[in-house]
Amino acid sequence: MITVTIHSDENRKSYGFEISGHALSDVYGRDLVCAGASAVAFGAVNAIGHLTQIKPQIEQGKEGGFLSVQIDRATLDEKQDETLQVILNTMVTQFYTMVTSYSDYIELKYKMV
């Protein structure tokens, strides 16, 4: 199962996420849940860099199945933070949509930071 953990503060603003595991919903190369989760996650990472000029701290597993993205909120200006929240809220909505259809293969959690 893929676990998506969103790192949020007390105001429900998000400043990072972690994705771990494998969906195993089909054979390697045809696993649509895995492909969808990867597309959503890497799309968000690319949008963060492109639209905010933020360089998040990124850690990836060598064999796949793990991605950690963290943003230092202390370095953000108001506009960057606003744009970041739109990107991450959009990402969460996309993952939530996946969970409603594929809950046997993907789950969404929150962690207070």
PDB file of N, CA and C in Angstrom:
ATOM      1  N   MET A   1       0.846  -1.183   0.000  1.00  0.00           N
ATOM      2  CA  MET A   1       0.000   0.000   0.000  1.00  0.00           C
ATOM      3  C   MET A   1       0.887   1.241   0.000  1.00  0.00           C
ATOM      4  N   ILE A   2       0.443   2.257  -0.714  1.00  0.00           N
ATOM      5  CA  ILE A   2       1.111   3.556  -0.699  1.00  0.00           C
ATOM      6  C   ILE A   2       0.507   4.374   0.436  1.00  0.00           C
ATOM      7  N   THR A   3       1.367   4.954   1.264  1.00  0.00           N
ATOM      8  CA  THR A   3       0.928   5.854   2.324  1.00  0.00           C
ATOM      9  C   THR A   3       1.439   7.254   2.012  1.00  0.00           C
ATOM     10  N   VAL A   4       0.507   8.198   1.919  1.00  0.00           N
ATOM     11  CA  VAL A   4       0.834   9.601   1.696  1.00  0.00           C
ATOM     12  C   VAL A   4       0.605  10.314   3.024  1.00  0.00           C
ATOM     13  N   THR A   5       1.657  10.918   3.569  1.00  0.00           N
ATOM     14  CA  THR A   5       1.557  11.640   4.839  1.00  0.00           C
ATOM     15  C   THR A   5       1.840  13.115   4.576  1.00  0.00           C
ATOM     16  N   ILE A   6       0.855  13.944   4.881  1.00  0.00           N
ATOM     17  CA  ILE A   6       0.966  15.385   4.687  1.00  0.00           C
ATOM     18  C   ILE A   6       1.418  16.009   5.997  1.00  0.00           C
ATOM     19  N   HIS A   7       2.461  16.827   5.955  1.00  0.00           N
ATOM     20  CA  HIS A   7       2.983  17.486   7.149  1.00  0.00           C
ATOM     21  C   HIS A   7       2.375  18.882   7.244  1.00  0.00           C
ATOM     22  N   SER A   8       1.538  19.075   8.266  1.00  0.00           N
ATOM     23  CA  SER A   8       0.795  20.334   8.427  1.00  0.00           C
ATOM     24  C   SER A   8       1.049  20.942   9.792  1.00  0.00           C
ATOM     25  N   ASP A   9       0.867  22.262   9.874  1.00  0.00           N
ATOM     26  CA  ASP A   9       0.996  22.933  11.157  1.00  0.00           C
ATOM     27  C   ASP A   9      -0.369  23.072  11.826  1.00  0.00           C
ATOM     28  N   GLU A  10      -0.392  23.771  12.950  1.00  0.00           N
ATOM     29  CA  GLU A  10      -1.629  23.918  13.726  1.00  0.00           C
ATOM     30  C   GLU A  10      -2.706  24.696  12.975  1.00  0.00           C
ATOM     31  N   ASN A  11      -2.320  25.439  11.940  1.00  0.00           N
ATOM     32  CA  ASN A  11      -3.280  26.192  11.125  1.00  0.00           C
ATOM     33  C   ASN A  11      -3.686  25.437   9.868  1.00  0.00           C
ATOM     34  N   ARG A  12      -3.310  24.164   9.788  1.00  0.00           N
ATOM     35  CA  ARG A  12      -3.594  23.274   8.654  1.00  0.00           C
ATOM     36  C   ARG A  12      -2.906  23.744   7.369  1.00  0.00           C
ATOM     37  N   LYS A  13      -1.816  24.484   7.522  1.00  0.00           N
ATOM     38  CA  LYS A  13      -0.973  24.819   6.385  1.00  0.00           C
ATOM     39  C   LYS A  13       0.041  23.694   6.232  1.00  0.00           C
ATOM     40  N   SER A  14       0.302  23.311   5.005  1.00  0.00           N
ATOM     41  CA  SER A  14       1.208  22.189   4.745  1.00  0.00           C
ATOM     42  C   SER A  14       2.578  22.692   4.307  1.00  0.00           C
ATOM     43  N   TYR A  15       3.607  22.004   4.812  1.00  0.00           N
ATOM     44  CA  TYR A  15       4.980  22.373   4.488  1.00  0.00           C
ATOM     45  C   TYR A  15       5.829  21.168   4.116  1.00  0.00           C
ATOM     46  N   GLY A  16       5.167  20.119   3.682  1.00  0.00           N
ATOM     47  CA  GLY A  16       5.902  18.956   3.232  1.00  0.00           C
ATOM     48  C   GLY A  16       5.014  17.736   3.181  1.00  0.00           C
ATOM     49  N   PHE A  17       5.585  16.671   2.635  1.00  0.00           N
ATOM     50  CA  PHE A  17       4.858  15.413   2.565  1.00  0.00           C
ATOM     51  C   PHE A  17       5.845  14.270   2.392  1.00  0.00           C
ATOM     52  N   GLU A  18       5.341  13.079   2.666  1.00  0.00           N
ATOM     53  CA  GLU A  18       6.136  11.871   2.498  1.00  0.00           C
ATOM     54  C   GLU A  18       5.249  10.813   1.862  1.00  0.00           C
ATOM     55  N   ILE A  19       5.804  10.117   0.906  1.00  0.00           N
ATOM     56  CA  ILE A  19       5.086   9.028   0.245  1.00  0.00           C
ATOM     57  C   ILE A  19       5.951   7.786   0.377  1.00  0.00           C
ATOM     58  N   SER A  20       5.349   6.703   0.847  1.00  0.00           N
ATOM     59  CA  SER A  20       6.113   5.468   1.004  1.00  0.00           C
ATOM     60  C   SER A  20       5.261   4.263   0.632  1.00  0.00           C
ATOM     61  N   GLY A  21       5.938   3.217   0.203  1.00  0.00           N
ATOM     62  CA  GLY A  21       5.272   1.966  -0.119  1.00  0.00           C
ATOM     63  C   GLY A  21       5.011   1.798  -1.600  1.00  0.00           C
ATOM     64  N   HIS A  22       4.399   0.689  -1.908  1.00  0.00           N
ATOM     65  CA  HIS A  22       4.042   0.347  -3.281  1.00  0.00           C
ATOM     66  C   HIS A  22       2.577  -0.069  -3.311  1.00  0.00           C
ATOM     67  N   ALA A  23       1.870   0.317  -4.348  1.00  0.00           N
ATOM     68  CA  ALA A  23       0.445  -0.004  -4.449  1.00  0.00           C
ATOM     69  C   ALA A  23       0.222  -1.497  -4.690  1.00  0.00           C
ATOM     70  N   LEU A  24       1.012  -2.073  -5.570  1.00  0.00           N
ATOM     71  CA  LEU A  24       0.853  -3.486  -5.948  1.00  0.00           C
ATOM     72  C   LEU A  24      -0.556  -3.783  -6.455  1.00  0.00           C
ATOM     73  N   SER A  25      -1.127  -2.824  -7.181  1.00  0.00           N
ATOM     74  CA  SER A  25      -2.470  -3.025  -7.739  1.00  0.00           C
ATOM     75  C   SER A  25      -2.428  -3.765  -9.075  1.00  0.00           C
ATOM     76  N   ASP A  26      -1.222  -3.910  -9.640  1.00  0.00           N
ATOM     77  CA  ASP A  26      -1.029  -4.639 -10.891  1.00  0.00           C
ATOM     78  C   ASP A  26       0.459  -4.966 -10.997  1.00  0.00           C
ATOM     79  N   VAL A  27       0.847  -5.637 -12.041  1.00  0.00           N
ATOM     80  CA  VAL A  27       2.246  -5.991 -12.239  1.00  0.00           C
ATOM     81  C   VAL A  27       3.063  -4.733 -12.489  1.00  0.00           C
ATOM     82  N   TYR A  28       4.361  -4.821 -12.186  1.00  0.00           N
ATOM     83  CA  TYR A  28       5.264  -3.698 -12.390  1.00  0.00           C
ATOM     84  C   TYR A  28       5.163  -3.209 -13.836  1.00  0.00           C
ATOM     85  N   GLY A  29       5.051  -1.904 -13.996  1.00  0.00           N
ATOM     86  CA  GLY A  29       4.937  -1.312 -15.326  1.00  0.00           C
ATOM     87  C   GLY A  29       3.500  -1.070 -15.761  1.00  0.00           C
ATOM     88  N   ARG A  30       2.543  -1.700 -15.062  1.00  0.00           N
ATOM     89  CA  ARG A  30       1.126  -1.492 -15.394  1.00  0.00           C
ATOM     90  C   ARG A  30       0.313  -1.108 -14.176  1.00  0.00           C
ATOM     91  N   ASP A  31       0.979  -0.706 -13.120  1.00  0.00           N
ATOM     92  CA  ASP A  31       0.319  -0.341 -11.870  1.00  0.00           C
ATOM     93  C   ASP A  31      -0.136   1.114 -11.967  1.00  0.00           C
ATOM     94  N   LEU A  32      -1.416   1.303 -12.281  1.00  0.00           N
ATOM     95  CA  LEU A  32      -1.940   2.653 -12.490  1.00  0.00           C
ATOM     96  C   LEU A  32      -2.000   3.478 -11.212  1.00  0.00           C
ATOM     97  N   VAL A  33      -2.208   2.839 -10.069  1.00  0.00           N
ATOM     98  CA  VAL A  33      -2.227   3.580  -8.811  1.00  0.00           C
ATOM     99  C   VAL A  33      -0.835   4.138  -8.519  1.00  0.00           C
ATOM    100  N   CYS A  34       0.174   3.324  -8.712  1.00  0.00           N
ATOM    101  CA  CYS A  34       1.553   3.770  -8.514  1.00  0.00           C
ATOM    102  C   CYS A  34       1.898   4.895  -9.495  1.00  0.00           C
ATOM    103  N   ALA A  35       1.542   4.723 -10.739  1.00  0.00           N
ATOM    104  CA  ALA A  35       1.829   5.735 -11.754  1.00  0.00           C
ATOM    105  C   ALA A  35       1.109   7.041 -11.428  1.00  0.00           C
ATOM    106  N   GLY A  36      -0.134   6.939 -11.003  1.00  0.00           N
ATOM    107  CA  GLY A  36      -0.903   8.127 -10.654  1.00  0.00           C
ATOM    108  C   GLY A  36      -0.309   8.856  -9.460  1.00  0.00           C
ATOM    109  N   ALA A  37       0.062   8.107  -8.424  1.00  0.00           N
ATOM    110  CA  ALA A  37       0.652   8.717  -7.234  1.00  0.00           C
ATOM    111  C   ALA A  37       1.977   9.398  -7.579  1.00  0.00           C
ATOM    112  N   SER A  38       2.778   8.754  -8.405  1.00  0.00           N
ATOM    113  CA  SER A  38       4.056   9.344  -8.820  1.00  0.00           C
ATOM    114  C   SER A  38       3.832  10.621  -9.603  1.00  0.00           C
ATOM    115  N   ALA A  39       2.882  10.601 -10.521  1.00  0.00           N
ATOM    116  CA  ALA A  39       2.599  11.784 -11.337  1.00  0.00           C
ATOM    117  C   ALA A  39       2.127  12.947 -10.476  1.00  0.00           C
ATOM    118  N   VAL A  40       1.251  12.684  -9.526  1.00  0.00           N
ATOM    119  CA  VAL A  40       0.752  13.742  -8.646  1.00  0.00           C
ATOM    120  C   VAL A  40       1.894  14.317  -7.813  1.00  0.00           C
ATOM    121  N   ALA A  41       2.706  13.448  -7.215  1.00  0.00           N
ATOM    122  CA  ALA A  41       3.785  13.896  -6.333  1.00  0.00           C
ATOM    123  C   ALA A  41       4.843  14.691  -7.094  1.00  0.00           C
ATOM    124  N   PHE A  42       5.318  14.142  -8.208  1.00  0.00           N
ATOM    125  CA  PHE A  42       6.374  14.833  -8.939  1.00  0.00           C
ATOM    126  C   PHE A  42       5.847  16.083  -9.641  1.00  0.00           C
ATOM    127  N   GLY A  43       4.584  16.083 -10.017  1.00  0.00           N
ATOM    128  CA  GLY A  43       3.974  17.301 -10.550  1.00  0.00           C
ATOM    129  C   GLY A  43       3.960  18.408  -9.509  1.00  0.00           C
ATOM    130  N   ALA A  44       3.639  18.053  -8.266  1.00  0.00           N
ATOM    131  CA  ALA A  44       3.634  19.042  -7.183  1.00  0.00           C
ATOM    132  C   ALA A  44       5.043  19.565  -6.927  1.00  0.00           C
ATOM    133  N   VAL A  45       6.029  18.673  -6.888  1.00  0.00           N
ATOM    134  CA  VAL A  45       7.413  19.088  -6.664  1.00  0.00           C
ATOM    135  C   VAL A  45       7.859  20.050  -7.771  1.00  0.00           C
ATOM    136  N   ASN A  46       7.559  19.702  -9.010  1.00  0.00           N
ATOM    137  CA  ASN A  46       7.935  20.570 -10.129  1.00  0.00           C
ATOM    138  C   ASN A  46       7.220  21.914 -10.057  1.00  0.00           C
ATOM    139  N   ALA A  47       5.944  21.904  -9.675  1.00  0.00           N
ATOM    140  CA  ALA A  47       5.189  23.154  -9.552  1.00  0.00           C
ATOM    141  C   ALA A  47       5.761  24.027  -8.441  1.00  0.00           C
ATOM    142  N   ILE A  48       6.156  23.422  -7.333  1.00  0.00           N
ATOM    143  CA  ILE A  48       6.750  24.194  -6.233  1.00  0.00           C
ATOM    144  C   ILE A  48       7.982  24.940  -6.734  1.00  0.00           C
ATOM    145  N   GLY A  49       8.863  24.231  -7.382  1.00  0.00           N
ATOM    146  CA  GLY A  49      10.085  24.864  -7.881  1.00  0.00           C
ATOM    147  C   GLY A  49       9.822  25.919  -8.936  1.00  0.00           C
ATOM    148  N   HIS A  50       8.930  25.602  -9.857  1.00  0.00           N
ATOM    149  CA  HIS A  50       8.666  26.506 -10.978  1.00  0.00           C
ATOM    150  C   HIS A  50       7.885  27.750 -10.568  1.00  0.00           C
ATOM    151  N   LEU A  51       6.867  27.581  -9.729  1.00  0.00           N
ATOM    152  CA  LEU A  51       5.976  28.699  -9.413  1.00  0.00           C
ATOM    153  C   LEU A  51       6.394  29.520  -8.202  1.00  0.00           C
ATOM    154  N   THR A  52       7.259  28.977  -7.356  1.00  0.00           N
ATOM    155  CA  THR A  52       7.649  29.705  -6.144  1.00  0.00           C
ATOM    156  C   THR A  52       9.145  29.966  -6.040  1.00  0.00           C
ATOM    157  N   GLN A  53       9.937  29.306  -6.876  1.00  0.00           N
ATOM    158  CA  GLN A  53      11.395  29.359  -6.810  1.00  0.00           C
ATOM    159  C   GLN A  53      11.926  28.830  -5.476  1.00  0.00           C
ATOM    160  N   ILE A  54      11.114  28.042  -4.781  1.00  0.00           N
ATOM    161  CA  ILE A  54      11.538  27.370  -3.553  1.00  0.00           C
ATOM    162  C   ILE A  54      12.290  26.103  -3.957  1.00  0.00           C
ATOM    163  N   LYS A  55      13.369  25.820  -3.246  1.00  0.00           N
ATOM    164  CA  LYS A  55      14.081  24.561  -3.444  1.00  0.00           C
ATOM    165  C   LYS A  55      13.811  23.693  -2.223  1.00  0.00           C
ATOM    166  N   PRO A  56      12.828  22.805  -2.322  1.00  0.00           N
ATOM    167  CA  PRO A  56      12.520  21.962  -1.164  1.00  0.00           C
ATOM    168  C   PRO A  56      13.649  20.961  -0.899  1.00  0.00           C
ATOM    169  N   GLN A  57      13.692  20.492   0.324  1.00  0.00           N
ATOM    170  CA  GLN A  57      14.614  19.415   0.676  1.00  0.00           C
ATOM    171  C   GLN A  57      13.936  18.115   0.239  1.00  0.00           C
ATOM    172  N   ILE A  58      14.586  17.371  -0.646  1.00  0.00           N
ATOM    173  CA  ILE A  58      13.992  16.164  -1.223  1.00  0.00           C
ATOM    174  C   ILE A  58      14.866  14.963  -0.914  1.00  0.00           C
ATOM    175  N   GLU A  59      14.219  13.887  -0.500  1.00  0.00           N
ATOM    176  CA  GLU A  59      14.896  12.609  -0.277  1.00  0.00           C
ATOM    177  C   GLU A  59      14.098  11.536  -1.014  1.00  0.00           C
ATOM    178  N   GLN A  60      14.807  10.710  -1.772  1.00  0.00           N
ATOM    179  CA  GLN A  60      14.153   9.636  -2.528  1.00  0.00           C
ATOM    180  C   GLN A  60      14.798   8.301  -2.197  1.00  0.00           C
ATOM    181  N   GLY A  61      13.986   7.241  -2.242  1.00  0.00           N
ATOM    182  CA  GLY A  61      14.518   5.902  -2.101  1.00  0.00           C
ATOM    183  C   GLY A  61      15.204   5.486  -3.391  1.00  0.00           C
ATOM    184  N   LYS A  62      16.303   4.760  -3.283  1.00  0.00           N
ATOM    185  CA  LYS A  62      17.062   4.348  -4.462  1.00  0.00           C
ATOM    186  C   LYS A  62      16.269   3.396  -5.357  1.00  0.00           C
ATOM    187  N   GLU A  63      15.425   2.599  -4.777  1.00  0.00           N
ATOM    188  CA  GLU A  63      14.632   1.622  -5.535  1.00  0.00           C
ATOM    189  C   GLU A  63      13.179   2.069  -5.697  1.00  0.00           C
ATOM    190  N   GLY A  64      12.900   3.335  -5.507  1.00  0.00           N
ATOM    191  CA  GLY A  64      11.525   3.831  -5.578  1.00  0.00           C
ATOM    192  C   GLY A  64      10.798   3.516  -4.281  1.00  0.00           C
ATOM    193  N   GLY A  65       9.556   3.867  -4.230  1.00  0.00           N
ATOM    194  CA  GLY A  65       8.745   3.565  -3.059  1.00  0.00           C
ATOM    195  C   GLY A  65       8.933   4.508  -1.890  1.00  0.00           C
ATOM    196  N   PHE A  66       9.697   5.584  -2.066  1.00  0.00           N
ATOM    197  CA  PHE A  66       9.859   6.559  -0.989  1.00  0.00           C
ATOM    198  C   PHE A  66      10.203   7.925  -1.574  1.00  0.00           C
ATOM    199  N   LEU A  67       9.481   8.944  -1.113  1.00  0.00           N
ATOM    200  CA  LEU A  67       9.757  10.330  -1.472  1.00  0.00           C
ATOM    201  C   LEU A  67       9.389  11.200  -0.277  1.00  0.00           C
ATOM    202  N   SER A  68      10.334  12.028   0.143  1.00  0.00           N
ATOM    203  CA  SER A  68      10.097  12.989   1.217  1.00  0.00           C
ATOM    204  C   SER A  68      10.405  14.378   0.675  1.00  0.00           C
ATOM    205  N   VAL A  69       9.480  15.309   0.880  1.00  0.00           N
ATOM    206  CA  VAL A  69       9.640  16.692   0.423  1.00  0.00           C
ATOM    207  C   VAL A  69       9.327  17.602   1.605  1.00  0.00           C
ATOM    208  N   GLN A  70      10.308  18.422   1.981  1.00  0.00           N
ATOM    209  CA  GLN A  70      10.146  19.326   3.122  1.00  0.00           C
ATOM    210  C   GLN A  70      10.502  20.748   2.704  1.00  0.00           C
ATOM    211  N   ILE A  71       9.718  21.704   3.195  1.00  0.00           N
ATOM    212  CA  ILE A  71       9.950  23.118   2.906  1.00  0.00           C
ATOM    213  C   ILE A  71      10.143  23.844   4.234  1.00  0.00           C
ATOM    214  N   ASP A  72      11.193  24.646   4.325  1.00  0.00           N
ATOM    215  CA  ASP A  72      11.453  25.437   5.518  1.00  0.00           C
ATOM    216  C   ASP A  72      10.560  26.674   5.484  1.00  0.00           C
ATOM    217  N   ARG A  73       9.497  26.647   6.249  1.00  0.00           N
ATOM    218  CA  ARG A  73       8.526  27.750   6.214  1.00  0.00           C
ATOM    219  C   ARG A  73       9.104  29.071   6.686  1.00  0.00           C
ATOM    220  N   ALA A  74      10.170  29.034   7.479  1.00  0.00           N
ATOM    221  CA  ALA A  74      10.776  30.267   7.983  1.00  0.00           C
ATOM    222  C   ALA A  74      11.415  31.085   6.865  1.00  0.00           C
ATOM    223  N   THR A  75      11.686  30.466   5.732  1.00  0.00           N
ATOM    224  CA  THR A  75      12.348  31.174   4.632  1.00  0.00           C
ATOM    225  C   THR A  75      11.374  31.718   3.597  1.00  0.00           C
ATOM    226  N   LEU A  76      10.090  31.480   3.781  1.00  0.00           N
ATOM    227  CA  LEU A  76       9.097  31.866   2.775  1.00  0.00           C
ATOM    228  C   LEU A  76       8.578  33.274   2.989  1.00  0.00           C
ATOM    229  N   ASP A  77       8.388  33.986   1.886  1.00  0.00           N
ATOM    230  CA  ASP A  77       7.659  35.242   1.989  1.00  0.00           C
ATOM    231  C   ASP A  77       6.168  34.931   1.840  1.00  0.00           C
ATOM    232  N   GLU A  78       5.343  35.940   2.023  1.00  0.00           N
ATOM    233  CA  GLU A  78       3.883  35.729   2.030  1.00  0.00           C
ATOM    234  C   GLU A  78       3.374  35.165   0.703  1.00  0.00           C
ATOM    235  N   LYS A  79       3.864  35.694  -0.405  1.00  0.00           N
ATOM    236  CA  LYS A  79       3.432  35.236  -1.735  1.00  0.00           C
ATOM    237  C   LYS A  79       3.861  33.784  -1.979  1.00  0.00           C
ATOM    238  N   GLN A  80       5.087  33.442  -1.616  1.00  0.00           N
ATOM    239  CA  GLN A  80       5.545  32.060  -1.777  1.00  0.00           C
ATOM    240  C   GLN A  80       4.685  31.113  -0.956  1.00  0.00           C
ATOM    241  N   ASP A  81       4.391  31.498   0.289  1.00  0.00           N
ATOM    242  CA  ASP A  81       3.589  30.647   1.160  1.00  0.00           C
ATOM    243  C   ASP A  81       2.188  30.451   0.588  1.00  0.00           C
ATOM    244  N   GLU A  82       1.605  31.522   0.086  1.00  0.00           N
ATOM    245  CA  GLU A  82       0.263  31.451  -0.500  1.00  0.00           C
ATOM    246  C   GLU A  82       0.256  30.499  -1.705  1.00  0.00           C
ATOM    247  N   THR A  83       1.219  30.637  -2.583  1.00  0.00           N
ATOM    248  CA  THR A  83       1.307  29.782  -3.770  1.00  0.00           C
ATOM    249  C   THR A  83       1.588  28.340  -3.369  1.00  0.00           C
ATOM    250  N   LEU A  84       2.486  28.151  -2.407  1.00  0.00           N
ATOM    251  CA  LEU A  84       2.785  26.803  -1.912  1.00  0.00           C
ATOM    252  C   LEU A  84       1.529  26.119  -1.392  1.00  0.00           C
ATOM    253  N   GLN A  85       0.719  26.845  -0.646  1.00  0.00           N
ATOM    254  CA  GLN A  85      -0.505  26.245  -0.092  1.00  0.00           C
ATOM    255  C   GLN A  85      -1.468  25.828  -1.194  1.00  0.00           C
ATOM    256  N   VAL A  86      -1.585  26.610  -2.239  1.00  0.00           N
ATOM    257  CA  VAL A  86      -2.451  26.231  -3.369  1.00  0.00           C
ATOM    258  C   VAL A  86      -1.932  24.955  -4.016  1.00  0.00           C
ATOM    259  N   ILE A  87      -0.625  24.884  -4.236  1.00  0.00           N
ATOM    260  CA  ILE A  87      -0.043  23.692  -4.867  1.00  0.00           C
ATOM    261  C   ILE A  87      -0.272  22.464  -3.998  1.00  0.00           C
ATOM    262  N   LEU A  88       0.038  22.573  -2.705  1.00  0.00           N
ATOM    263  CA  LEU A  88      -0.093  21.397  -1.839  1.00  0.00           C
ATOM    264  C   LEU A  88      -1.552  21.024  -1.593  1.00  0.00           C
ATOM    265  N   ASN A  89      -2.444  22.000  -1.505  1.00  0.00           N
ATOM    266  CA  ASN A  89      -3.869  21.678  -1.363  1.00  0.00           C
ATOM    267  C   ASN A  89      -4.409  20.985  -2.612  1.00  0.00           C
ATOM    268  N   THR A  90      -3.935  21.407  -3.769  1.00  0.00           N
ATOM    269  CA  THR A  90      -4.322  20.744  -5.018  1.00  0.00           C
ATOM    270  C   THR A  90      -3.806  19.313  -5.025  1.00  0.00           C
ATOM    271  N   MET A  91      -2.557  19.113  -4.603  1.00  0.00           N
ATOM    272  CA  MET A  91      -1.989  17.770  -4.526  1.00  0.00           C
ATOM    273  C   MET A  91      -2.802  16.886  -3.578  1.00  0.00           C
ATOM    274  N   VAL A  92      -3.145  17.411  -2.413  1.00  0.00           N
ATOM    275  CA  VAL A  92      -3.937  16.648  -1.443  1.00  0.00           C
ATOM    276  C   VAL A  92      -5.290  16.270  -2.035  1.00  0.00           C
ATOM    277  N   THR A  93      -5.915  17.191  -2.738  1.00  0.00           N
ATOM    278  CA  THR A  93      -7.205  16.896  -3.380  1.00  0.00           C
ATOM    279  C   THR A  93      -7.057  15.769  -4.393  1.00  0.00           C
ATOM    280  N   GLN A  94      -5.979  15.781  -5.152  1.00  0.00           N
ATOM    281  CA  GLN A  94      -5.746  14.715  -6.127  1.00  0.00           C
ATOM    282  C   GLN A  94      -5.534  13.377  -5.422  1.00  0.00           C
ATOM    283  N   PHE A  95      -4.746  13.365  -4.341  1.00  0.00           N
ATOM    284  CA  PHE A  95      -4.557  12.117  -3.603  1.00  0.00           C
ATOM    285  C   PHE A  95      -5.861  11.649  -2.968  1.00  0.00           C
ATOM    286  N   TYR A  96      -6.642  12.578  -2.424  1.00  0.00           N
ATOM    287  CA  TYR A  96      -7.926  12.209  -1.833  1.00  0.00           C
ATOM    288  C   TYR A  96      -8.836  11.570  -2.876  1.00  0.00           C
ATOM    289  N   THR A  97      -8.833  12.092  -4.075  1.00  0.00           N
ATOM    290  CA  THR A  97      -9.623  11.514  -5.159  1.00  0.00           C
ATOM    291  C   THR A  97      -9.166  10.091  -5.453  1.00  0.00           C
ATOM    292  N   MET A  98      -7.866   9.865  -5.442  1.00  0.00           N
ATOM    293  CA  MET A  98      -7.346   8.504  -5.652  1.00  0.00           C
ATOM    294  C   MET A  98      -7.783   7.571  -4.523  1.00  0.00           C
ATOM    295  N   VAL A  99      -7.734   8.067  -3.289  1.00  0.00           N
ATOM    296  CA  VAL A  99      -8.106   7.242  -2.140  1.00  0.00           C
ATOM    297  C   VAL A  99      -9.567   6.820  -2.215  1.00  0.00           C
ATOM    298  N   THR A 100     -10.441   7.702  -2.677  1.00  0.00           N
ATOM    299  CA  THR A 100     -11.863   7.347  -2.740  1.00  0.00           C
ATOM    300  C   THR A 100     -12.128   6.208  -3.717  1.00  0.00           C
ATOM    301  N   SER A 101     -11.284   6.066  -4.728  1.00  0.00           N
ATOM    302  CA  SER A 101     -11.473   4.999  -5.712  1.00  0.00           C
ATOM    303  C   SER A 101     -10.586   3.781  -5.479  1.00  0.00           C
ATOM    304  N   TYR A 102      -9.449   3.978  -4.817  1.00  0.00           N
ATOM    305  CA  TYR A 102      -8.454   2.903  -4.695  1.00  0.00           C
ATOM    306  C   TYR A 102      -7.965   2.733  -3.260  1.00  0.00           C
ATOM    307  N   SER A 103      -8.880   2.742  -2.302  1.00  0.00           N
ATOM    308  CA  SER A 103      -8.490   2.704  -0.890  1.00  0.00           C
ATOM    309  C   SER A 103      -7.787   1.408  -0.477  1.00  0.00           C
ATOM    310  N   ASP A 104      -7.855   0.373  -1.272  1.00  0.00           N
ATOM    311  CA  ASP A 104      -7.105  -0.854  -0.976  1.00  0.00           C
ATOM    312  C   ASP A 104      -5.620  -0.684  -1.283  1.00  0.00           C
ATOM    313  N   TYR A 105      -5.266   0.369  -2.011  1.00  0.00           N
ATOM    314  CA  TYR A 105      -3.897   0.531  -2.492  1.00  0.00           C
ATOM    315  C   TYR A 105      -3.198   1.814  -2.070  1.00  0.00           C
ATOM    316  N   ILE A 106      -3.972   2.802  -1.581  1.00  0.00           N
ATOM    317  CA  ILE A 106      -3.392   4.095  -1.215  1.00  0.00           C
ATOM    318  C   ILE A 106      -4.184   4.685  -0.045  1.00  0.00           C
ATOM    319  N   GLU A 107      -3.451   5.290   0.896  1.00  0.00           N
ATOM    320  CA  GLU A 107      -4.087   5.948   2.032  1.00  0.00           C
ATOM    321  C   GLU A 107      -3.464   7.322   2.246  1.00  0.00           C
ATOM    322  N   LEU A 108      -4.223   8.206   2.878  1.00  0.00           N
ATOM    323  CA  LEU A 108      -3.805   9.592   3.106  1.00  0.00           C
ATOM    324  C   LEU A 108      -3.872   9.857   4.597  1.00  0.00           C
ATOM    325  N   LYS A 109      -2.758  10.380   5.140  1.00  0.00           N
ATOM    326  CA  LYS A 109      -2.657  10.699   6.562  1.00  0.00           C
ATOM    327  C   LYS A 109      -2.117  12.110   6.734  1.00  0.00           C
ATOM    328  N   TYR A 110      -2.312  12.628   7.948  1.00  0.00           N
ATOM    329  CA  TYR A 110      -1.750  13.932   8.298  1.00  0.00           C
ATOM    330  C   TYR A 110      -0.865  13.785   9.531  1.00  0.00           C
ATOM    331  N   LYS A 111       0.211  14.590   9.550  1.00  0.00           N
ATOM    332  CA  LYS A 111       1.118  14.620  10.682  1.00  0.00           C
ATOM    333  C   LYS A 111       1.355  16.077  11.047  1.00  0.00           C
ATOM    334  N   MET A 112       1.173  16.407  12.305  1.00  0.00           N
ATOM    335  CA  MET A 112       1.423  17.776  12.765  1.00  0.00           C
ATOM    336  C   MET A 112       2.936  17.990  12.888  1.00  0.00           C
ATOM    337  N   VAL A 113       3.380  19.134  12.372  1.00  0.00           N
ATOM    338  CA  VAL A 113       4.802  19.481  12.456  1.00  0.00           C
ATOM    339  C   VAL A 113       4.988  20.774  13.237  1.00  0.00           C
TER     340      VAL A 113
END
